[in-house]
PDB file of N, CA and C in Angstrom:
ATOM      1  N   MET A   1       0.841  -1.181   0.000  1.00  0.00           N
ATOM      2  CA  MET A   1       0.000   0.000   0.000  1.00  0.00           C
ATOM      3  C   MET A   1       0.884   1.241   0.000  1.00  0.00           C
ATOM      4  N   VAL A   2       0.553   2.197  -0.878  1.00  0.00           N
ATOM      5  CA  VAL A   2       1.281   3.467  -0.948  1.00  0.00           C
ATOM      6  C   VAL A   2       0.272   4.606  -0.869  1.00  0.00           C
ATOM      7  N   SER A   3       0.719   5.741  -0.346  1.00  0.00           N
ATOM      8  CA  SER A   3      -0.194   6.884  -0.250  1.00  0.00           C
ATOM      9  C   SER A   3       0.583   8.185  -0.393  1.00  0.00           C
ATOM     10  N   GLN A   4      -0.148   9.221  -0.788  1.00  0.00           N
ATOM     11  CA  GLN A   4       0.448  10.551  -0.920  1.00  0.00           C
ATOM     12  C   GLN A   4      -0.645  11.603  -0.870  1.00  0.00           C
ATOM     13  N   LYS A   5      -0.340  12.713  -0.202  1.00  0.00           N
ATOM     14  CA  LYS A   5      -1.287  13.822  -0.128  1.00  0.00           C
ATOM     15  C   LYS A   5      -1.049  14.760  -1.300  1.00  0.00           C
ATOM     16  N   VAL A   6      -2.145  15.371  -1.760  1.00  0.00           N
ATOM     17  CA  VAL A   6      -2.056  16.328  -2.863  1.00  0.00           C
ATOM     18  C   VAL A   6      -3.136  17.392  -2.665  1.00  0.00           C
ATOM     19  N   LYS A   7      -2.803  18.623  -3.069  1.00  0.00           N
ATOM     20  CA  LYS A   7      -3.741  19.736  -2.930  1.00  0.00           C
ATOM     21  C   LYS A   7      -4.462  19.966  -4.252  1.00  0.00           C
ATOM     22  N   ILE A   8      -5.770  20.205  -4.194  1.00  0.00           N
ATOM     23  CA  ILE A   8      -6.587  20.424  -5.388  1.00  0.00           C
ATOM     24  C   ILE A   8      -6.322  21.830  -5.936  1.00  0.00           C
ATOM     25  N   LYS A   9      -5.943  21.894  -7.216  1.00  0.00           N
ATOM     26  CA  LYS A   9      -5.594  23.172  -7.837  1.00  0.00           C
ATOM     27  C   LYS A   9      -6.705  23.736  -8.717  1.00  0.00           C
ATOM     28  N   ASN A  10      -7.742  22.935  -8.990  1.00  0.00           N
ATOM     29  CA  ASN A  10      -8.829  23.402  -9.851  1.00  0.00           C
ATOM     30  C   ASN A  10      -9.593  24.522  -9.146  1.00  0.00           C
ATOM     31  N   PRO A  11      -9.756  25.669  -9.800  1.00  0.00           N
ATOM     32  CA  PRO A  11     -10.458  26.800  -9.176  1.00  0.00           C
ATOM     33  C   PRO A  11     -11.889  26.472  -8.755  1.00  0.00           C
ATOM     34  N   THR A  12     -12.531  25.546  -9.463  1.00  0.00           N
ATOM     35  CA  THR A  12     -13.917  25.195  -9.131  1.00  0.00           C
ATOM     36  C   THR A  12     -14.017  23.858  -8.401  1.00  0.00           C
ATOM     37  N   GLY A  13     -12.897  23.314  -7.961  1.00  0.00           N
ATOM     38  CA  GLY A  13     -12.912  22.047  -7.239  1.00  0.00           C
ATOM     39  C   GLY A  13     -13.150  20.865  -8.173  1.00  0.00           C
ATOM     40  N   LEU A  14     -13.550  19.739  -7.594  1.00  0.00           N
ATOM     41  CA  LEU A  14     -13.784  18.532  -8.401  1.00  0.00           C
ATOM     42  C   LEU A  14     -15.253  18.422  -8.771  1.00  0.00           C
ATOM     43  N   HIS A  15     -15.660  19.208  -9.767  1.00  0.00           N
ATOM     44  CA  HIS A  15     -17.019  19.093 -10.296  1.00  0.00           C
ATOM     45  C   HIS A  15     -17.022  17.978 -11.335  1.00  0.00           C
ATOM     46  N   LEU A  16     -18.077  17.838 -12.105  1.00  0.00           N
ATOM     47  CA  LEU A  16     -18.272  16.666 -12.954  1.00  0.00           C
ATOM     48  C   LEU A  16     -17.134  16.388 -13.942  1.00  0.00           C
ATOM     49  N   ARG A  17     -16.691  17.387 -14.684  1.00  0.00           N
ATOM     50  CA  ARG A  17     -15.654  17.127 -15.700  1.00  0.00           C
ATOM     51  C   ARG A  17     -14.335  16.662 -15.082  1.00  0.00           C
ATOM     52  N   PRO A  18     -13.746  17.389 -14.118  1.00  0.00           N
ATOM     53  CA  PRO A  18     -12.496  16.893 -13.543  1.00  0.00           C
ATOM     54  C   PRO A  18     -12.680  15.585 -12.765  1.00  0.00           C
ATOM     55  N   ALA A  19     -13.847  15.385 -12.166  1.00  0.00           N
ATOM     56  CA  ALA A  19     -14.101  14.122 -11.463  1.00  0.00           C
ATOM     57  C   ALA A  19     -14.096  12.960 -12.454  1.00  0.00           C
ATOM     58  N   GLY A  20     -14.668  13.183 -13.628  1.00  0.00           N
ATOM     59  CA  GLY A  20     -14.680  12.158 -14.668  1.00  0.00           C
ATOM     60  C   GLY A  20     -13.282  11.836 -15.157  1.00  0.00           C
ATOM     61  N   ILE A  21     -12.454  12.864 -15.319  1.00  0.00           N
ATOM     62  CA  ILE A  21     -11.070  12.665 -15.749  1.00  0.00           C
ATOM     63  C   ILE A  21     -10.298  11.889 -14.686  1.00  0.00           C
ATOM     64  N   LEU A  22     -10.514  12.231 -13.422  1.00  0.00           N
ATOM     65  CA  LEU A  22      -9.853  11.535 -12.314  1.00  0.00           C
ATOM     66  C   LEU A  22     -10.239  10.058 -12.306  1.00  0.00           C
ATOM     67  N   CYS A  23     -11.512   9.780 -12.457  1.00  0.00           N
ATOM     68  CA  CYS A  23     -12.001   8.390 -12.461  1.00  0.00           C
ATOM     69  C   CYS A  23     -11.455   7.611 -13.653  1.00  0.00           C
ATOM     70  N   LYS A  24     -11.432   8.249 -14.800  1.00  0.00           N
ATOM     71  CA  LYS A  24     -10.919   7.595 -16.008  1.00  0.00           C
ATOM     72  C   LYS A  24      -9.457   7.201 -15.809  1.00  0.00           C
ATOM     73  N   GLU A  25      -8.701   8.076 -15.181  1.00  0.00           N
ATOM     74  CA  GLU A  25      -7.288   7.788 -14.890  1.00  0.00           C
ATOM     75  C   GLU A  25      -7.177   6.613 -13.913  1.00  0.00           C
ATOM     76  N   ALA A  26      -7.977   6.625 -12.865  1.00  0.00           N
ATOM     77  CA  ALA A  26      -7.919   5.565 -11.849  1.00  0.00           C
ATOM     78  C   ALA A  26      -8.311   4.206 -12.419  1.00  0.00           C
ATOM     79  N   MET A  27      -9.245   4.185 -13.360  1.00  0.00           N
ATOM     80  CA  MET A  27      -9.726   2.923 -13.923  1.00  0.00           C
ATOM     81  C   MET A  27      -8.697   2.226 -14.808  1.00  0.00           C
ATOM     82  N   GLN A  28      -7.623   2.914 -15.157  1.00  0.00           N
ATOM     83  CA  GLN A  28      -6.587   2.307 -15.983  1.00  0.00           C
ATOM     84  C   GLN A  28      -5.715   1.324 -15.198  1.00  0.00           C
ATOM     85  N   TYR A  29      -5.899   1.279 -13.882  1.00  0.00           N
ATOM     86  CA  TYR A  29      -5.041   0.458 -13.031  1.00  0.00           C
ATOM     87  C   TYR A  29      -5.837  -0.637 -12.324  1.00  0.00           C
ATOM     88  N   LYS A  30      -5.167  -1.765 -12.100  1.00  0.00           N
ATOM     89  CA  LYS A  30      -5.796  -2.894 -11.412  1.00  0.00           C
ATOM     90  C   LYS A  30      -5.933  -2.627  -9.919  1.00  0.00           C
ATOM     91  N   SER A  31      -5.041  -1.822  -9.386  1.00  0.00           N
ATOM     92  CA  SER A  31      -5.016  -1.543  -7.950  1.00  0.00           C
ATOM     93  C   SER A  31      -6.303  -0.877  -7.468  1.00  0.00           C
ATOM     94  N   LEU A  32      -6.577  -1.070  -6.194  1.00  0.00           N
ATOM     95  CA  LEU A  32      -7.653  -0.344  -5.534  1.00  0.00           C
ATOM     96  C   LEU A  32      -7.155   1.080  -5.344  1.00  0.00           C
ATOM     97  N   VAL A  33      -7.884   2.054  -5.870  1.00  0.00           N
ATOM     98  CA  VAL A  33      -7.472   3.456  -5.768  1.00  0.00           C
ATOM     99  C   VAL A  33      -8.561   4.212  -5.004  1.00  0.00           C
ATOM    100  N   THR A  34      -8.202   4.670  -3.809  1.00  0.00           N
ATOM    101  CA  THR A  34      -9.146   5.432  -2.981  1.00  0.00           C
ATOM    102  C   THR A  34      -8.464   6.732  -2.556  1.00  0.00           C
ATOM    103  N   PHE A  35      -9.252   7.607  -1.947  1.00  0.00           N
ATOM    104  CA  PHE A  35      -8.652   8.789  -1.338  1.00  0.00           C
ATOM    105  C   PHE A  35      -9.382   9.121  -0.054  1.00  0.00           C
ATOM    106  N   HIS A  36      -8.639   9.705   0.864  1.00  0.00           N
ATOM    107  CA  HIS A  36      -9.182  10.125   2.156  1.00  0.00           C
ATOM    108  C   HIS A  36      -9.367  11.634   2.139  1.00  0.00           C
ATOM    109  N   TYR A  37     -10.517  12.066   2.653  1.00  0.00           N
ATOM    110  CA  TYR A  37     -10.811  13.493   2.723  1.00  0.00           C
ATOM    111  C   TYR A  37     -11.741  13.738   3.903  1.00  0.00           C
ATOM    112  N   ARG A  38     -11.299  14.552   4.834  1.00  0.00           N
ATOM    113  CA  ARG A  38     -12.087  14.889   6.031  1.00  0.00           C
ATOM    114  C   ARG A  38     -12.639  13.656   6.742  1.00  0.00           C
ATOM    115  N   GLY A  39     -11.790  12.659   6.928  1.00  0.00           N
ATOM    116  CA  GLY A  39     -12.180  11.469   7.678  1.00  0.00           C
ATOM    117  C   GLY A  39     -12.981  10.448   6.900  1.00  0.00           C
ATOM    118  N   ASN A  40     -13.271  10.727   5.645  1.00  0.00           N
ATOM    119  CA  ASN A  40     -14.027   9.785   4.820  1.00  0.00           C
ATOM    120  C   ASN A  40     -13.114   9.178   3.761  1.00  0.00           C
ATOM    121  N   THR A  41     -13.497   7.996   3.281  1.00  0.00           N
ATOM    122  CA  THR A  41     -12.766   7.338   2.207  1.00  0.00           C
ATOM    123  C   THR A  41     -13.679   7.238   1.001  1.00  0.00           C
ATOM    124  N   ALA A  42     -13.144   7.609  -0.175  1.00  0.00           N
ATOM    125  CA  ALA A  42     -13.927   7.559  -1.406  1.00  0.00           C
ATOM    126  C   ALA A  42     -13.198   6.722  -2.440  1.00  0.00           C
ATOM    127  N   ASN A  43     -13.971   6.043  -3.277  1.00  0.00           N
ATOM    128  CA  ASN A  43     -13.432   5.235  -4.364  1.00  0.00           C
ATOM    129  C   ASN A  43     -13.128   6.157  -5.537  1.00  0.00           C
ATOM    130  N   ALA A  44     -11.852   6.253  -5.921  1.00  0.00           N
ATOM    131  CA  ALA A  44     -11.462   7.154  -7.010  1.00  0.00           C
ATOM    132  C   ALA A  44     -11.932   6.652  -8.371  1.00  0.00           C
ATOM    133  N   LYS A  45     -12.423   5.422  -8.436  1.00  0.00           N
ATOM    134  CA  LYS A  45     -12.913   4.870  -9.707  1.00  0.00           C
ATOM    135  C   LYS A  45     -14.411   5.103  -9.896  1.00  0.00           C
ATOM    136  N   SER A  46     -15.050   5.785  -8.944  1.00  0.00           N
ATOM    137  CA  SER A  46     -16.486   6.055  -9.005  1.00  0.00           C
ATOM    138  C   SER A  46     -16.731   7.563  -9.071  1.00  0.00           C
ATOM    139  N   VAL A  47     -17.333   8.021 -10.173  1.00  0.00           N
ATOM    140  CA  VAL A  47     -17.615   9.451 -10.327  1.00  0.00           C
ATOM    141  C   VAL A  47     -18.533   9.929  -9.196  1.00  0.00           C
ATOM    142  N   LEU A  48     -19.531   9.148  -8.850  1.00  0.00           N
ATOM    143  CA  LEU A  48     -20.451   9.548  -7.783  1.00  0.00           C
ATOM    144  C   LEU A  48     -19.737   9.659  -6.442  1.00  0.00           C
ATOM    145  N   SER A  49     -18.811   8.766  -6.196  1.00  0.00           N
ATOM    146  CA  SER A  49     -18.049   8.803  -4.960  1.00  0.00           C
ATOM    147  C   SER A  49     -17.173  10.053  -4.899  1.00  0.00           C
ATOM    148  N   VAL A  50     -16.551  10.400  -6.021  1.00  0.00           N
ATOM    149  CA  VAL A  50     -15.705  11.594  -6.083  1.00  0.00           C
ATOM    150  C   VAL A  50     -16.552  12.852  -5.925  1.00  0.00           C
ATOM    151  N   LEU A  51     -17.668  12.924  -6.649  1.00  0.00           N
ATOM    152  CA  LEU A  51     -18.550  14.091  -6.544  1.00  0.00           C
ATOM    153  C   LEU A  51     -19.134  14.225  -5.142  1.00  0.00           C
ATOM    154  N   GLY A  52     -19.471  13.089  -4.535  1.00  0.00           N
ATOM    155  CA  GLY A  52     -20.071  13.085  -3.196  1.00  0.00           C
ATOM    156  C   GLY A  52     -19.140  13.604  -2.115  1.00  0.00           C
ATOM    157  N   ALA A  53     -17.834  13.596  -2.383  1.00  0.00           N
ATOM    158  CA  ALA A  53     -16.870  14.093  -1.401  1.00  0.00           C
ATOM    159  C   ALA A  53     -16.872  15.620  -1.318  1.00  0.00           C
ATOM    160  N   CYS A  54     -17.455  16.292  -2.323  1.00  0.00           N
ATOM    161  CA  CYS A  54     -17.566  17.764  -2.342  1.00  0.00           C
ATOM    162  C   CYS A  54     -16.219  18.451  -2.110  1.00  0.00           C
ATOM    163  N   ILE A  55     -15.257  18.116  -2.939  1.00  0.00           N
ATOM    164  CA  ILE A  55     -13.905  18.653  -2.792  1.00  0.00           C
ATOM    165  C   ILE A  55     -13.795  19.995  -3.508  1.00  0.00           C
ATOM    166  N   LYS A  56     -13.298  20.976  -2.785  1.00  0.00           N
ATOM    167  CA  LYS A  56     -13.196  22.344  -3.289  1.00  0.00           C
ATOM    168  C   LYS A  56     -11.728  22.716  -3.562  1.00  0.00           C
ATOM    169  N   PHE A  57     -11.549  23.868  -4.201  1.00  0.00           N
ATOM    170  CA  PHE A  57     -10.218  24.407  -4.473  1.00  0.00           C
ATOM    171  C   PHE A  57      -9.431  24.547  -3.169  1.00  0.00           C
ATOM    172  N   GLY A  58      -8.188  24.101  -3.177  1.00  0.00           N
ATOM    173  CA  GLY A  58      -7.320  24.241  -2.007  1.00  0.00           C
ATOM    174  C   GLY A  58      -7.432  23.116  -1.002  1.00  0.00           C
ATOM    175  N   ASP A  59      -8.427  22.240  -1.151  1.00  0.00           N
ATOM    176  CA  ASP A  59      -8.569  21.106  -0.234  1.00  0.00           C
ATOM    177  C   ASP A  59      -7.443  20.110  -0.467  1.00  0.00           C
ATOM    178  N   GLU A  60      -7.068  19.400   0.587  1.00  0.00           N
ATOM    179  CA  GLU A  60      -6.018  18.391   0.472  1.00  0.00           C
ATOM    180  C   GLU A  60      -6.640  17.007   0.619  1.00  0.00           C
ATOM    181  N   ILE A  61      -6.323  16.125  -0.317  1.00  0.00           N
ATOM    182  CA  ILE A  61      -6.785  14.746  -0.256  1.00  0.00           C
ATOM    183  C   ILE A  61      -5.565  13.836  -0.227  1.00  0.00           C
ATOM    184  N   GLU A  62      -5.763  12.627   0.287  1.00  0.00           N
ATOM    185  CA  GLU A  62      -4.672  11.653   0.330  1.00  0.00           C
ATOM    186  C   GLU A  62      -5.068  10.433  -0.483  1.00  0.00           C
ATOM    187  N   PHE A  63      -4.363  10.228  -1.583  1.00  0.00           N
ATOM    188  CA  PHE A  63      -4.597   9.038  -2.402  1.00  0.00           C
ATOM    189  C   PHE A  63      -3.968   7.833  -1.728  1.00  0.00           C
ATOM    190  N   VAL A  64      -4.671   6.698  -1.778  1.00  0.00           N
ATOM    191  CA  VAL A  64      -4.154   5.435  -1.271  1.00  0.00           C
ATOM    192  C   VAL A  64      -4.351   4.401  -2.372  1.00  0.00           C
ATOM    193  N   CYS A  65      -3.264   3.769  -2.780  1.00  0.00           N
ATOM    194  CA  CYS A  65      -3.314   2.760  -3.838  1.00  0.00           C
ATOM    195  C   CYS A  65      -2.794   1.440  -3.281  1.00  0.00           C
ATOM    196  N   GLU A  66      -3.517   0.367  -3.600  1.00  0.00           N
ATOM    197  CA  GLU A  66      -3.151  -0.944  -3.074  1.00  0.00           C
ATOM    198  C   GLU A  66      -3.365  -1.998  -4.149  1.00  0.00           C
ATOM    199  N   GLY A  67      -2.277  -2.658  -4.557  1.00  0.00           N
ATOM    200  CA  GLY A  67      -2.387  -3.706  -5.561  1.00  0.00           C
ATOM    201  C   GLY A  67      -1.101  -3.866  -6.352  1.00  0.00           C
ATOM    202  N   ASP A  68      -1.185  -4.637  -7.438  1.00  0.00           N
ATOM    203  CA  ASP A  68      -0.012  -4.981  -8.242  1.00  0.00           C
ATOM    204  C   ASP A  68       0.689  -3.767  -8.846  1.00  0.00           C
ATOM    205  N   ASP A  69      -0.090  -2.789  -9.297  1.00  0.00           N
ATOM    206  CA  ASP A  69       0.503  -1.617  -9.952  1.00  0.00           C
ATOM    207  C   ASP A  69       0.301  -0.344  -9.124  1.00  0.00           C
ATOM    208  N   GLU A  70       0.381  -0.498  -7.806  1.00  0.00           N
ATOM    209  CA  GLU A  70       0.070   0.615  -6.897  1.00  0.00           C
ATOM    210  C   GLU A  70       0.992   1.818  -7.077  1.00  0.00           C
ATOM    211  N   ASP A  71       2.279   1.583  -7.316  1.00  0.00           N
ATOM    212  CA  ASP A  71       3.207   2.713  -7.472  1.00  0.00           C
ATOM    213  C   ASP A  71       2.884   3.542  -8.714  1.00  0.00           C
ATOM    214  N   GLU A  72       2.624   2.841  -9.814  1.00  0.00           N
ATOM    215  CA  GLU A  72       2.276   3.538 -11.055  1.00  0.00           C
ATOM    216  C   GLU A  72       0.948   4.275 -10.909  1.00  0.00           C
ATOM    217  N   ALA A  73      -0.009   3.637 -10.259  1.00  0.00           N
ATOM    218  CA  ALA A  73      -1.327   4.253 -10.063  1.00  0.00           C
ATOM    219  C   ALA A  73      -1.215   5.526  -9.229  1.00  0.00           C
ATOM    220  N   LEU A  74      -0.473   5.455  -8.138  1.00  0.00           N
ATOM    221  CA  LEU A  74      -0.324   6.625  -7.268  1.00  0.00           C
ATOM    222  C   LEU A  74       0.341   7.772  -8.021  1.00  0.00           C
ATOM    223  N   LYS A  75       1.396   7.464  -8.748  1.00  0.00           N
ATOM    224  CA  LYS A  75       2.101   8.494  -9.512  1.00  0.00           C
ATOM    225  C   LYS A  75       1.159   9.157 -10.516  1.00  0.00           C
ATOM    226  N   ALA A  76       0.379   8.355 -11.223  1.00  0.00           N
ATOM    227  CA  ALA A  76      -0.543   8.889 -12.235  1.00  0.00           C
ATOM    228  C   ALA A  76      -1.636   9.744 -11.603  1.00  0.00           C
ATOM    229  N   MET A  77      -2.168   9.330 -10.467  1.00  0.00           N
ATOM    230  CA  MET A  77      -3.237  10.088  -9.812  1.00  0.00           C
ATOM    231  C   MET A  77      -2.726  11.442  -9.330  1.00  0.00           C
ATOM    232  N   VAL A  78      -1.558  11.449  -8.714  1.00  0.00           N
ATOM    233  CA  VAL A  78      -0.976  12.705  -8.221  1.00  0.00           C
ATOM    234  C   VAL A  78      -0.666  13.638  -9.393  1.00  0.00           C
ATOM    235  N   GLU A  79      -0.091  13.093 -10.461  1.00  0.00           N
ATOM    236  CA  GLU A  79       0.218  13.911 -11.633  1.00  0.00           C
ATOM    237  C   GLU A  79      -1.049  14.482 -12.268  1.00  0.00           C
ATOM    238  N   ALA A  80      -2.115  13.689 -12.300  1.00  0.00           N
ATOM    239  CA  ALA A  80      -3.377  14.162 -12.875  1.00  0.00           C
ATOM    240  C   ALA A  80      -3.922  15.355 -12.090  1.00  0.00           C
ATOM    241  N   VAL A  81      -3.911  15.252 -10.780  1.00  0.00           N
ATOM    242  CA  VAL A  81      -4.419  16.351  -9.942  1.00  0.00           C
ATOM    243  C   VAL A  81      -3.513  17.574 -10.074  1.00  0.00           C
ATOM    244  N   GLU A  82      -2.207  17.365 -10.046  1.00  0.00           N
ATOM    245  CA  GLU A  82      -1.283  18.492 -10.121  1.00  0.00           C
ATOM    246  C   GLU A  82      -1.304  19.193 -11.479  1.00  0.00           C
ATOM    247  N   SER A  83      -1.714  18.467 -12.523  1.00  0.00           N
ATOM    248  CA  SER A  83      -1.812  19.071 -13.853  1.00  0.00           C
ATOM    249  C   SER A  83      -3.128  19.827 -14.031  1.00  0.00           C
ATOM    250  N   GLY A  84      -4.042  19.752 -13.077  1.00  0.00           N
ATOM    251  CA  GLY A  84      -5.291  20.496 -13.132  1.00  0.00           C
ATOM    252  C   GLY A  84      -6.472  19.722 -13.695  1.00  0.00           C
ATOM    253  N   LEU A  85      -6.310  18.447 -13.968  1.00  0.00           N
ATOM    254  CA  LEU A  85      -7.398  17.598 -14.445  1.00  0.00           C
ATOM    255  C   LEU A  85      -8.116  18.192 -15.667  1.00  0.00           C
ATOM    256  N   GLY A  86      -7.339  18.665 -16.623  1.00  0.00           N
ATOM    257  CA  GLY A  86      -7.905  19.155 -17.867  1.00  0.00           C
ATOM    258  C   GLY A  86      -8.433  20.576 -17.824  1.00  0.00           C
ATOM    259  N   GLU A  87      -8.202  21.276 -16.746  1.00  0.00           N
ATOM    260  CA  GLU A  87      -8.703  22.665 -16.664  1.00  0.00           C
ATOM    261  C   GLU A  87      -7.559  23.648 -16.581  1.00  0.00           C
TER     262      GLU A  87
END
């Protein structure tokens, strides 16, 4: 299991479009990809789970990846968020 914290850079937070991009990225990996936010755990492969977390600009989330390709998955998720998720 590997984990890393990252700060959300999208000015409008994780609304539908960036949430979809995040999920699409997470689904490319076999590993379980989740994130922790304000004491809750969300499945990064579920758009509804990501949207339900109500993540805003400047919030910090912690990705947790567990499985065969966990290192690659974690790196890709952090890079996706840091690149602005298409915005």
